[in-house]
Amino acid sequence: MTPAEVFPIGGFSAMPMWALMILLPKWKVTRFLIDYKVVPIVIAIIYAVYIFLSISADGAMDFGSFASVKELFTKDNTILAGWMHYICFDLLIGMWMVNQNRETKIHQLLMAPCLFFTFMFGPIGFLLFVIITSIKKSINS
């Protein structure tokens, strides 16, 4: 399959997981998927395949400068791998947040924006979660 054909698989596989974490974080199916990291593993496999294809076609990747990284993201296999990387790691951070919230017990109405922003803007959702967690801990101490 071409990178363009594979591209939607990552997003379409991650979106239901995000919906489950936001709407049904305690449901046994959600817990199973989080505990066994099912969706990130599938995405990581896609990532591994396209990183391998990219390295096979273009040789070692150079992350030494902005220009070299910019050049990497002009190749379809590398673009797809990069996108899978984002989707996989954002999802893992979202799962970590849901797991942390089992102890922190932030209300789901506050968790939902944290998860949504992690899904859409990665580090911003993580930052929001850290801020809310810190505020809650300081109030409870």
Protein backbone atom coordinates (compact mmCIF):
# COMPACT_ATOMS: atom_id res chain seq x y z
CA MET A 1 0.00 0.00 0.00
CA THR A 2 1.16 3.52 -0.69
CA PRO A 3 1.70 5.96 2.18
CA ALA A 4 -1.36 7.91 0.98
CA GLU A 5 -3.49 4.76 1.23
CA VAL A 6 -2.15 3.90 4.69
CA PHE A 7 -2.42 7.45 6.05
CA PRO A 8 -6.12 7.27 7.10
CA ILE A 9 -5.62 3.93 8.88
CA GLY A 10 -3.70 5.61 11.71
CA GLY A 11 -6.30 8.27 12.32
CA PHE A 12 -9.27 5.98 11.92
CA SER A 13 -7.77 3.44 14.31
CA ALA A 14 -6.93 6.07 16.93
CA MET A 15 -10.19 8.06 16.90
CA PRO A 16 -12.40 5.36 18.46
CA MET A 17 -9.79 4.88 21.20
CA TRP A 18 -9.86 8.59 21.97
CA ALA A 19 -13.68 8.51 22.08
CA LEU A 20 -13.59 5.58 24.50
CA MET A 21 -11.06 7.30 26.77
CA ILE A 22 -13.10 10.52 26.81
CA LEU A 23 -16.59 9.03 27.10
CA LEU A 24 -16.11 5.61 28.74
CA PRO A 25 -12.74 5.57 30.50
CA LYS A 26 -13.78 2.95 33.08
CA TRP A 27 -15.53 0.54 30.70
CA LYS A 28 -13.89 -2.90 30.66
CA VAL A 29 -13.27 -2.75 26.89
CA THR A 30 -11.58 0.64 27.25
CA ARG A 31 -9.52 -0.66 30.17
CA PHE A 32 -8.47 -3.73 28.16
CA LEU A 33 -7.38 -1.59 25.21
CA ILE A 34 -5.46 0.75 27.52
CA ASP A 35 -3.88 -2.02 29.60
CA TYR A 36 -2.66 -3.96 26.57
CA LYS A 37 -1.92 -0.90 24.39
CA VAL A 38 -3.66 -2.61 21.46
CA VAL A 39 -4.16 0.44 19.24
CA PRO A 40 -0.70 1.99 19.81
CA ILE A 41 0.88 -1.37 19.01
CA VAL A 42 -0.93 -1.52 15.66
CA ILE A 43 0.13 2.05 14.89
CA ALA A 44 3.70 1.30 16.02
CA ILE A 45 3.85 -1.62 13.57
CA ILE A 46 2.77 0.68 10.73
CA TYR A 47 5.41 3.17 11.89
CA ALA A 48 8.13 0.49 11.95
CA VAL A 49 7.29 -0.67 8.43
CA TYR A 50 7.42 2.83 6.96
CA ILE A 51 10.57 3.85 8.86
CA PHE A 52 12.21 0.70 7.48
CA LEU A 53 11.01 1.52 3.97
CA SER A 54 12.24 5.09 4.33
CA ILE A 55 15.70 4.06 5.55
CA SER A 56 15.91 1.33 2.89
CA ALA A 57 15.13 3.82 0.13
CA ASP A 58 17.01 6.87 1.38
CA GLY A 59 19.64 5.65 3.85
CA ALA A 60 20.24 6.87 7.39
CA MET A 61 18.18 9.76 8.68
CA ASP A 62 19.92 12.99 9.60
CA PHE A 63 18.39 14.83 12.55
CA GLY A 64 21.40 17.12 12.98
CA SER A 65 19.89 20.34 11.70
CA PHE A 66 16.56 21.97 10.94
CA ALA A 67 17.33 21.78 7.22
CA SER A 68 18.06 18.04 7.34
CA VAL A 69 14.88 17.30 9.29
CA LYS A 70 12.92 19.47 6.86
CA GLU A 71 14.39 17.43 4.01
CA LEU A 72 13.31 14.18 5.69
CA PHE A 73 9.70 15.33 5.62
CA THR A 74 9.70 15.71 1.86
CA LYS A 75 9.53 11.92 1.35
CA ASP A 76 6.19 10.10 1.50
CA ASN A 77 7.39 7.13 3.60
CA THR A 78 8.97 9.45 6.15
CA ILE A 79 5.93 11.73 6.30
CA LEU A 80 3.70 8.73 6.99
CA ALA A 81 6.10 7.38 9.60
CA GLY A 82 6.22 10.79 11.27
CA TRP A 83 2.43 10.99 11.34
CA MET A 84 2.18 7.48 12.86
CA HIS A 85 4.78 8.56 15.43
CA TYR A 86 2.61 11.53 16.45
CA ILE A 87 -0.58 9.48 16.59
CA CYS A 88 1.03 6.65 18.56
CA PHE A 89 2.76 8.82 21.15
CA ASP A 90 -0.17 11.19 21.65
CA LEU A 91 -2.37 8.15 22.22
CA LEU A 92 0.09 6.68 24.71
CA ILE A 93 0.15 9.98 26.61
CA GLY A 94 -3.66 9.99 26.63
CA MET A 95 -3.68 6.45 28.01
CA TRP A 96 -1.13 7.44 30.65
CA MET A 97 -3.36 10.37 31.65
CA VAL A 98 -6.40 8.08 32.01
CA ASN A 99 -4.31 5.71 34.13
CA GLN A 100 -3.01 8.57 36.28
CA ASN A 101 -6.54 9.80 36.76
CA ARG A 102 -7.50 6.55 38.48
CA GLU A 103 -5.49 7.92 41.42
CA THR A 104 -5.92 11.66 40.88
CA LYS A 105 -9.69 11.42 40.33
CA ILE A 106 -10.07 14.56 38.25
CA HIS A 107 -13.74 14.91 37.25
CA GLN A 108 -14.46 13.60 33.76
CA LEU A 109 -15.69 17.05 32.68
CA LEU A 110 -12.16 18.34 33.29
CA MET A 111 -10.47 15.24 31.88
CA ALA A 112 -12.37 15.45 28.59
CA PRO A 113 -10.69 18.71 27.48
CA CYS A 114 -7.29 17.37 28.56
CA LEU A 115 -7.78 14.29 26.41
CA PHE A 116 -9.30 16.23 23.51
CA PHE A 117 -6.39 18.67 23.45
CA THR A 118 -3.90 15.81 23.70
CA PHE A 119 -5.62 14.20 20.71
CA MET A 120 -5.61 17.41 18.69
CA PHE A 121 -2.50 19.25 19.96
CA GLY A 122 -0.47 16.68 21.93
CA PRO A 123 1.67 18.64 24.37
CA ILE A 124 -1.04 21.26 25.05
CA GLY A 125 -3.40 18.59 26.40
CA PHE A 126 -0.59 17.07 28.44
CA LEU A 127 0.27 20.50 29.84
CA LEU A 128 -3.38 21.14 30.73
CA PHE A 129 -3.54 17.78 32.53
CA VAL A 130 -0.36 18.56 34.49
CA ILE A 131 -1.71 21.98 35.49
CA ILE A 132 -5.07 20.58 36.62
CA THR A 133 -3.36 17.73 38.48
CA SER A 134 -1.04 20.19 40.24
CA ILE A 135 -3.91 22.46 41.24
CA LYS A 136 -5.93 19.51 42.55
CA LYS A 137 -2.96 18.21 44.56
CA SER A 138 -2.28 21.64 46.06
CA ILE A 139 -5.95 22.03 47.05
CA ASN A 140 -5.99 18.57 48.66
CA SER A 141 -2.78 19.08 50.67
